[in-house]
Amino acid sequence: EGVAKEQPTVEERRAALITRIASDKRQLKDLEDRILRLLYTSEGSILDDEVLIHALRDSKATSSAVQTRLQESEETERSINLLREQYRPVAIRGSILYFVIADLPLIDPMYQYSLAYFSTIFNNCILSSPRSDTLSDRLINLITIITQAVFRNVSRGLLEKDKAIFSFLIAAQILRQKGSVSTQEWNLPLRGVPYASLVLGTKPAVPVRTPDQHDDDLDTTSVPPWVSESAWMMCINLERVLPEVFEGLTMDVQYVHPIEWRNWNAGQDPHNTPLPGDWDKKLSDFQKLLVIKAFC
């Protein structure tokens, strides 16, 4: 539908080609059926059946012409599909936005938005957005304008407390589609730590690291006194679920930079404060969000 609004002539050609290809294939099938019927009803020698001979001659010429038209039509259809495929990023962004909106009733049942409402916003953006000299610029403009328009229109019907959730869901799903956020990373803030993992008993004191103690001998399951059990279990789960990203996190919190982590955790706005050590450089924004969720 988006391509039909953006390139109506291309869609008209495509629709005409589909009809023409279907008609040509049907004509070929009719020719085959006619030849088979004549062969079945023919009596005596086939070479003496003038009706059959003329039918075979005519069908050969017609079949050759139809086959040529089919090849030309299919080549044209492929070129049109290649052009349509260039607009796929716009369609992908549209699907992301729509399914985020479709999930809003899970936040509050009163958030109901129809597909027709979304399509109206989507198509209006295509028709009213400024044209560009290059297709790449046009696609960027369409994606930006559609995203902004959907957010503005839907946000008008959301409670203030839910607007931040809506914007987060849009951003997160865009990152997931790009591959910047994995399924494991996405599931962590949604599911959190299983309740059974919270049963740790009382908080032990932070173990003292002796000079002859190796990293393998250190106890990273004990909870530092300034960290809650749930936060510590979240840190442990981060290492277990995403070891390639968070390996060494609990070690760093307990032994390498304990004072820095404690000060960071006690800060008023940890989301605006760099993470201790080199974690602020090695983690993506979403991965930093997982650490903030674990401690805060």
Protein backbone atom coordinates (compact mmCIF):
# COMPACT_ATOMS: atom_id res chain seq x y z
CA GLU A 1 0.00 0.00 0.00
CA GLY A 2 2.86 2.35 0.78
CA VAL A 3 4.43 1.81 -2.65
CA ALA A 4 1.04 2.38 -4.29
CA LYS A 5 0.90 5.81 -2.64
CA GLU A 6 4.55 6.61 -3.32
CA GLN A 7 4.84 5.18 -6.87
CA PRO A 8 1.28 4.78 -8.26
CA THR A 9 2.43 4.25 -11.86
CA VAL A 10 4.73 1.41 -10.80
CA GLU A 11 1.91 -0.30 -8.94
CA GLU A 12 -0.43 0.14 -11.92
CA ARG A 13 2.16 -1.48 -14.21
CA ARG A 14 2.62 -4.29 -11.73
CA ALA A 15 -1.13 -4.94 -11.49
CA ALA A 16 -1.44 -4.92 -15.28
CA LEU A 17 1.50 -7.31 -15.62
CA ILE A 18 0.02 -9.73 -13.09
CA THR A 19 -3.23 -9.76 -15.08
CA ARG A 20 -1.37 -10.20 -18.38
CA ILE A 21 0.83 -13.02 -17.08
CA ALA A 22 -2.21 -14.83 -15.69
CA SER A 23 -4.04 -14.41 -19.00
CA ASP A 24 -1.07 -15.71 -21.03
CA LYS A 25 -0.64 -18.73 -18.78
CA ARG A 26 -4.35 -19.49 -19.05
CA GLN A 27 -4.08 -19.24 -22.85
CA LEU A 28 -1.18 -21.71 -22.86
CA LYS A 29 -3.21 -24.11 -20.71
CA ASP A 30 -6.18 -23.82 -23.11
CA LEU A 31 -3.90 -24.60 -26.07
CA GLU A 32 -2.53 -27.68 -24.33
CA ASP A 33 -6.03 -28.87 -23.47
CA ARG A 34 -7.19 -28.34 -27.06
CA ILE A 35 -4.29 -30.36 -28.51
CA LEU A 36 -4.87 -33.18 -26.03
CA ARG A 37 -8.60 -33.21 -26.84
CA LEU A 38 -7.92 -33.34 -30.59
CA LEU A 39 -5.39 -36.15 -30.14
CA TYR A 40 -7.87 -38.08 -28.02
CA THR A 41 -10.75 -37.73 -30.52
CA SER A 42 -8.62 -38.20 -33.66
CA GLU A 43 -9.37 -41.34 -35.70
CA GLY A 44 -7.00 -43.03 -38.06
CA SER A 45 -3.60 -41.60 -38.92
CA ILE A 46 -2.70 -38.35 -37.25
CA LEU A 47 -0.96 -37.22 -40.44
CA ASP A 48 -4.26 -37.41 -42.33
CA ASP A 49 -6.14 -35.30 -39.77
CA GLU A 50 -5.97 -31.81 -41.29
CA VAL A 51 -7.87 -30.22 -38.40
CA LEU A 52 -5.32 -31.56 -35.96
CA ILE A 53 -2.38 -30.53 -38.15
CA HIS A 54 -3.69 -26.95 -38.49
CA ALA A 55 -4.41 -26.84 -34.77
CA LEU A 56 -0.86 -27.98 -33.99
CA ARG A 57 0.60 -25.40 -36.37
CA ASP A 58 -1.52 -22.57 -34.94
CA SER A 59 -0.85 -23.61 -31.35
CA LYS A 60 2.90 -23.69 -31.99
CA ALA A 61 2.87 -20.12 -33.31
CA THR A 62 0.56 -18.93 -30.57
CA SER A 63 2.56 -20.74 -27.88
CA SER A 64 5.80 -19.21 -29.13
CA ALA A 65 4.31 -15.70 -29.04
CA VAL A 66 2.80 -16.27 -25.60
CA GLN A 67 6.07 -17.64 -24.24
CA THR A 68 7.91 -14.57 -25.52
CA ARG A 69 5.36 -12.27 -23.89
CA LEU A 70 5.62 -14.25 -20.66
CA GLN A 71 9.40 -13.90 -20.54
CA GLU A 72 9.19 -10.16 -21.21
CA SER A 73 6.44 -9.74 -18.61
CA GLU A 74 8.32 -11.72 -15.96
CA GLU A 75 11.52 -9.71 -16.56
CA THR A 76 9.55 -6.48 -16.24
CA GLU A 77 7.90 -7.79 -13.08
CA ARG A 78 11.30 -8.60 -11.57
CA SER A 79 12.55 -5.06 -12.25
CA ILE A 80 9.37 -3.61 -10.69
CA ASN A 81 9.75 -5.87 -7.64
CA LEU A 82 13.34 -4.70 -7.24
CA LEU A 83 12.10 -1.12 -7.16
CA ARG A 84 9.38 -2.03 -4.67
CA GLU A 85 11.94 -3.87 -2.53
CA GLN A 86 13.85 -0.62 -2.03
CA TYR A 87 10.89 0.64 0.01
CA ARG A 88 11.01 -2.33 2.37
CA PRO A 89 12.73 -0.33 5.19
CA VAL A 90 9.67 1.94 5.29
CA ALA A 91 7.37 -1.08 5.49
CA ILE A 92 9.49 -2.61 8.25
CA ARG A 93 9.35 0.60 10.30
CA GLY A 94 5.60 0.70 9.77
CA SER A 95 5.16 -2.88 11.01
CA ILE A 96 7.31 -2.17 14.08
CA LEU A 97 5.21 0.87 15.00
CA TYR A 98 1.92 -0.91 14.42
CA PHE A 99 2.74 -3.92 16.59
CA VAL A 100 3.97 -1.66 19.39
CA ILE A 101 0.61 0.12 19.22
CA ALA A 102 -1.22 -3.22 19.10
CA ASP A 103 0.43 -4.16 22.43
CA LEU A 104 -0.61 -0.95 24.22
CA PRO A 105 -3.81 -2.57 25.62
CA LEU A 106 -1.48 -4.72 27.74
CA ILE A 107 -0.55 -1.48 29.55
CA ASP A 108 -4.12 -0.21 29.79
CA PRO A 109 -7.22 -1.74 28.11
CA MET A 110 -8.46 1.71 27.10
CA TYR A 111 -5.55 2.09 24.64
CA GLN A 112 -7.29 0.77 21.52
CA TYR A 113 -6.08 1.82 18.06
CA SER A 114 -7.38 0.24 14.86
CA LEU A 115 -5.40 -0.75 11.80
CA ALA A 116 -7.47 1.72 9.75
CA TYR A 117 -6.40 4.57 12.08
CA PHE A 118 -2.74 3.57 11.74
CA SER A 119 -3.03 3.23 7.94
CA THR A 120 -4.49 6.73 7.71
CA ILE A 121 -1.51 8.20 9.57
CA PHE A 122 0.93 6.12 7.52
CA ASN A 123 -0.56 7.08 4.14
CA ASN A 124 -0.93 10.76 5.06
CA CYS A 125 2.78 10.89 5.89
CA ILE A 126 3.65 9.47 2.48
CA LEU A 127 1.41 11.93 0.63
CA SER A 128 2.32 15.04 2.62
CA SER A 129 6.05 14.54 3.24
CA PRO A 130 8.46 16.63 1.12
CA ARG A 131 10.05 14.97 -1.89
CA SER A 132 13.79 14.29 -2.14
CA ASP A 133 16.23 14.20 -5.03
CA THR A 134 17.53 10.72 -4.17
CA LEU A 135 15.70 7.59 -3.10
CA SER A 136 17.95 7.08 -0.07
CA ASP A 137 17.10 10.56 1.26
CA ARG A 138 13.44 9.93 0.53
CA LEU A 139 13.45 6.69 2.53
CA ILE A 140 15.16 8.36 5.49
CA ASN A 141 12.63 11.20 5.42
CA LEU A 142 9.69 8.80 5.22
CA ILE A 143 10.95 6.67 8.12
CA THR A 144 11.57 9.74 10.28
CA ILE A 145 8.30 11.48 9.48
CA ILE A 146 6.19 8.34 9.90
CA THR A 147 7.81 7.52 13.26
CA GLN A 148 7.31 11.05 14.56
CA ALA A 149 3.74 11.28 13.31
CA VAL A 150 2.72 7.95 14.84
CA PHE A 151 4.31 8.86 18.17
CA ARG A 152 2.65 12.29 18.29
CA ASN A 153 -0.82 11.06 17.33
CA VAL A 154 -0.84 8.04 19.61
CA SER A 155 0.70 9.94 22.53
CA ARG A 156 -2.26 12.32 22.57
CA GLY A 157 -4.38 9.47 23.89
CA LEU A 158 -1.90 8.18 26.47
CA LEU A 159 -1.59 9.06 30.11
CA GLU A 160 1.53 11.06 30.89
CA LYS A 161 3.07 8.18 32.85
CA ASP A 162 2.69 5.85 29.86
CA LYS A 163 4.27 8.10 27.23
CA ALA A 164 7.79 7.22 28.38
CA ILE A 165 6.92 3.51 28.19
CA PHE A 166 5.55 3.99 24.68
CA SER A 167 8.70 5.77 23.48
CA PHE A 168 10.89 3.12 25.13
CA LEU A 169 8.98 0.31 23.40
CA ILE A 170 9.37 1.98 20.02
CA ALA A 171 13.11 2.53 20.53
CA ALA A 172 13.65 -0.99 21.87
CA GLN A 173 11.80 -2.67 18.99
CA ILE A 174 13.73 -0.62 16.44
CA LEU A 175 16.99 -1.73 18.06
CA ARG A 176 15.80 -5.34 18.15
CA GLN A 177 14.96 -5.24 14.45
CA LYS A 178 18.43 -3.85 13.68
CA GLY A 179 20.04 -6.58 15.79
CA SER A 180 21.48 -4.10 18.29
CA VAL A 181 19.49 -5.74 21.11
CA SER A 182 19.42 -9.53 21.30
CA THR A 183 16.47 -11.63 22.44
CA GLN A 184 18.36 -12.56 25.63
CA GLU A 185 18.99 -8.89 26.42
CA TRP A 186 15.33 -8.05 25.81
CA ASN A 187 14.06 -10.88 28.01
CA LEU A 188 16.14 -9.84 31.01
CA PRO A 189 14.26 -6.62 31.86
CA LEU A 190 10.95 -8.28 31.04
CA ARG A 191 11.32 -11.43 33.13
CA GLY A 192 13.87 -10.34 35.70
CA VAL A 193 15.23 -12.81 38.25
CA PRO A 194 13.22 -15.94 39.01
CA TYR A 195 11.76 -15.85 42.49
CA ALA A 196 13.61 -19.02 43.48
CA SER A 197 16.91 -17.26 42.85
CA LEU A 198 16.12 -14.67 45.52
CA VAL A 199 16.37 -17.16 48.37
CA LEU A 200 19.94 -16.41 49.49
CA GLY A 201 19.64 -16.03 53.26
CA THR A 202 21.23 -13.13 55.14
CA LYS A 203 23.78 -10.78 53.62
CA PRO A 204 27.31 -11.84 54.41
CA ALA A 205 30.07 -9.33 54.83
CA VAL A 206 32.21 -8.54 51.80
CA PRO A 207 35.03 -11.12 51.70
CA VAL A 208 38.55 -9.77 52.14
CA ARG A 209 40.85 -10.43 49.23
CA THR A 210 44.29 -11.65 50.32
CA PRO A 211 47.40 -11.08 48.17
CA ASP A 212 47.79 -14.82 47.44
CA GLN A 213 44.17 -15.30 46.47
CA HIS A 214 43.44 -15.99 42.80
CA ASP A 215 40.34 -14.86 40.94
CA ASP A 216 39.04 -18.46 40.80
CA ASP A 217 39.15 -18.66 44.62
CA LEU A 218 36.98 -15.60 45.19
CA ASP A 219 33.38 -15.98 46.24
CA THR A 220 31.22 -13.91 43.87
CA THR A 221 27.94 -15.40 45.12
CA SER A 222 28.09 -13.57 48.45
CA VAL A 223 26.17 -10.33 48.53
CA PRO A 224 27.95 -7.03 49.31
CA PRO A 225 26.20 -5.32 52.23
CA TRP A 226 25.17 -2.28 50.19
CA VAL A 227 23.53 -4.38 47.46
CA SER A 228 20.09 -6.00 47.73
CA GLU A 229 19.69 -9.72 47.14
CA SER A 230 17.55 -9.13 44.06
CA ALA A 231 20.10 -6.70 42.58
CA TRP A 232 22.96 -9.11 43.18
CA MET A 233 21.07 -12.02 41.65
CA MET A 234 20.35 -9.81 38.62
CA CYS A 235 24.09 -9.16 38.28
CA ILE A 236 24.82 -12.87 38.52
CA ASN A 237 22.15 -13.61 35.92
CA LEU A 238 23.63 -10.99 33.61
CA GLU A 239 26.91 -12.90 33.70
CA ARG A 240 25.18 -16.26 33.21
CA VAL A 241 22.87 -15.23 30.38
CA LEU A 242 25.31 -12.91 28.57
CA PRO A 243 28.81 -14.05 29.55
CA GLU A 244 30.36 -12.55 26.42
CA VAL A 245 29.18 -9.11 27.59
CA PHE A 246 29.02 -9.15 31.40
CA GLU A 247 31.73 -11.63 32.36
CA GLY A 248 33.59 -10.24 35.38
CA LEU A 249 30.84 -7.85 36.48
CA THR A 250 30.37 -9.30 39.97
CA MET A 251 34.14 -9.55 40.40
CA ASP A 252 34.49 -5.90 39.47
CA VAL A 253 31.73 -4.83 41.87
CA GLN A 254 33.12 -6.81 44.81
CA TYR A 255 36.87 -6.61 44.42
CA VAL A 256 38.15 -4.36 41.63
CA HIS A 257 36.12 -1.15 41.99
CA PRO A 258 33.87 -1.67 45.04
CA ILE A 259 34.03 1.96 46.25
CA GLU A 260 33.29 3.34 42.78
CA TRP A 261 30.33 1.00 42.34
CA ARG A 262 28.96 1.88 45.77
CA ASN A 263 29.23 5.60 45.07
CA TRP A 264 27.64 5.15 41.67
CA ASN A 265 24.78 3.17 43.17
CA ALA A 266 24.23 5.80 45.88
CA GLY A 267 24.11 8.65 43.38
CA GLN A 268 20.95 10.61 42.65
CA ASP A 269 20.99 9.99 38.88
CA PRO A 270 23.02 6.87 38.01
CA HIS A 271 21.53 6.88 34.50
CA ASN A 272 23.47 10.10 33.84
CA THR A 273 26.65 8.93 35.59
CA PRO A 274 29.29 6.85 33.76
CA LEU A 275 29.65 3.27 34.98
CA PRO A 276 32.80 2.48 37.02
CA GLY A 277 35.86 1.00 35.38
CA ASP A 278 35.73 0.41 31.65
CA TRP A 279 32.11 -0.77 31.69
CA ASP A 280 30.82 2.55 30.41
CA LYS A 281 32.91 2.14 27.24
CA LYS A 282 32.37 -1.58 26.59
CA LEU A 283 28.58 -1.70 27.05
CA SER A 284 25.91 -0.47 24.67
CA ASP A 285 23.20 1.91 25.90
CA PHE A 286 20.72 -0.95 26.33
CA GLN A 287 23.27 -3.05 28.20
CA LYS A 288 23.93 -0.09 30.51
CA LEU A 289 20.19 0.04 31.08
CA LEU A 290 20.31 -3.60 32.24
CA VAL A 291 22.98 -2.70 34.81
CA ILE A 292 20.96 0.29 36.00
CA LYS A 293 17.86 -1.91 36.32
CA ALA A 294 19.85 -4.45 38.33
CA PHE A 295 21.05 -1.94 40.92
CA CYS A 296 18.22 0.58 40.89
